Amino acid sequence: MDQHDPAKARFFAIQGVRLSGVIMGILGALVLGEILPFPPVVGYILLAIAAAEIFILPLVLAKRWRTPE
């Protein structure tokens, strides 16, 4: 089975984007909870980027990779 399936690769790419968003959101929460020694603005920025990675970027990728009708 050496066949390359682009749908499988794209699925894992989208899931990787979501996972990195979750990790970034956790880091942002740790900053805001004063567990990590960064200014609170860094935590808010991380949370905003994480929200975009979780909710917006997967939709953009799916629309871009959609097969034409």
Protein backbone atom coordinates (compact mmCIF):
# COMPACT_ATOMS: atom_id res chain seq x y z
CA MET A 1 0.00 0.00 0.00
CA ASP A 2 2.29 2.73 -1.26
CA GLN A 3 -0.53 4.83 -2.63
CA HIS A 4 -0.58 8.40 -1.37
CA ASP A 5 -4.06 9.52 -0.38
CA PRO A 6 -4.30 13.33 -0.37
CA ALA A 7 -7.53 13.24 1.63
CA LYS A 8 -5.81 11.39 4.46
CA ALA A 9 -2.91 13.84 4.49
CA ARG A 10 -5.30 16.80 4.47
CA PHE A 11 -7.35 15.32 7.30
CA PHE A 12 -4.27 14.93 9.47
CA ALA A 13 -3.11 18.44 8.56
CA ILE A 14 -6.43 19.90 9.72
CA GLN A 15 -6.32 17.87 12.93
CA GLY A 16 -2.73 19.03 13.52
CA VAL A 17 -3.83 22.65 13.17
CA ARG A 18 -6.62 22.08 15.68
CA LEU A 19 -4.27 20.33 18.11
CA SER A 20 -1.75 23.16 17.92
CA GLY A 21 -4.59 25.59 18.63
CA VAL A 22 -5.58 23.64 21.73
CA ILE A 23 -1.98 23.60 22.95
CA MET A 24 -1.67 27.33 22.32
CA GLY A 25 -4.92 27.93 24.20
CA ILE A 26 -3.61 25.99 27.18
CA LEU A 27 -0.43 28.06 27.15
CA GLY A 28 -2.48 31.25 27.02
CA ALA A 29 -4.56 30.09 29.98
CA LEU A 30 -1.40 29.26 31.90
CA VAL A 31 -0.08 32.76 31.25
CA LEU A 32 -3.35 34.36 32.38
CA GLY A 33 -3.37 32.15 35.46
CA GLU A 34 0.07 33.51 36.29
CA ILE A 35 1.63 30.05 36.15
CA LEU A 36 3.94 31.08 33.31
CA PRO A 37 5.92 34.29 33.89
CA PHE A 38 4.71 36.42 30.99
CA PRO A 39 2.62 39.59 30.87
CA PRO A 40 -1.16 39.03 30.63
CA VAL A 41 -1.26 40.57 27.15
CA VAL A 42 0.75 37.59 25.89
CA GLY A 43 -1.92 35.27 27.28
CA TYR A 44 -4.69 37.16 25.51
CA ILE A 45 -2.77 37.11 22.23
CA LEU A 46 -2.19 33.36 22.55
CA LEU A 47 -5.88 32.78 23.25
CA ALA A 48 -6.92 34.85 20.23
CA ILE A 49 -4.55 32.98 17.93
CA ALA A 50 -5.68 29.68 19.42
CA ALA A 51 -9.33 30.49 18.75
CA ALA A 52 -8.51 31.27 15.13
CA GLU A 53 -6.55 28.02 14.78
CA ILE A 54 -9.35 25.96 16.27
CA PHE A 55 -12.40 27.54 14.66
CA ILE A 56 -11.40 29.48 11.53
CA LEU A 57 -8.28 27.94 9.99
CA PRO A 58 -9.71 24.40 9.58
CA LEU A 59 -12.69 25.84 7.68
CA VAL A 60 -10.39 27.85 5.43
CA LEU A 61 -8.27 24.78 4.69
CA ALA A 62 -11.32 22.62 4.00
CA LYS A 63 -12.75 25.18 1.58
CA ARG A 64 -9.40 25.55 -0.15
CA TRP A 65 -8.99 21.79 -0.56
CA ARG A 66 -12.60 21.11 -1.57
CA THR A 67 -12.92 19.27 -4.86
CA PRO A 68 -14.59 21.31 -7.61
CA GLU A 69 -18.14 20.33 -8.48
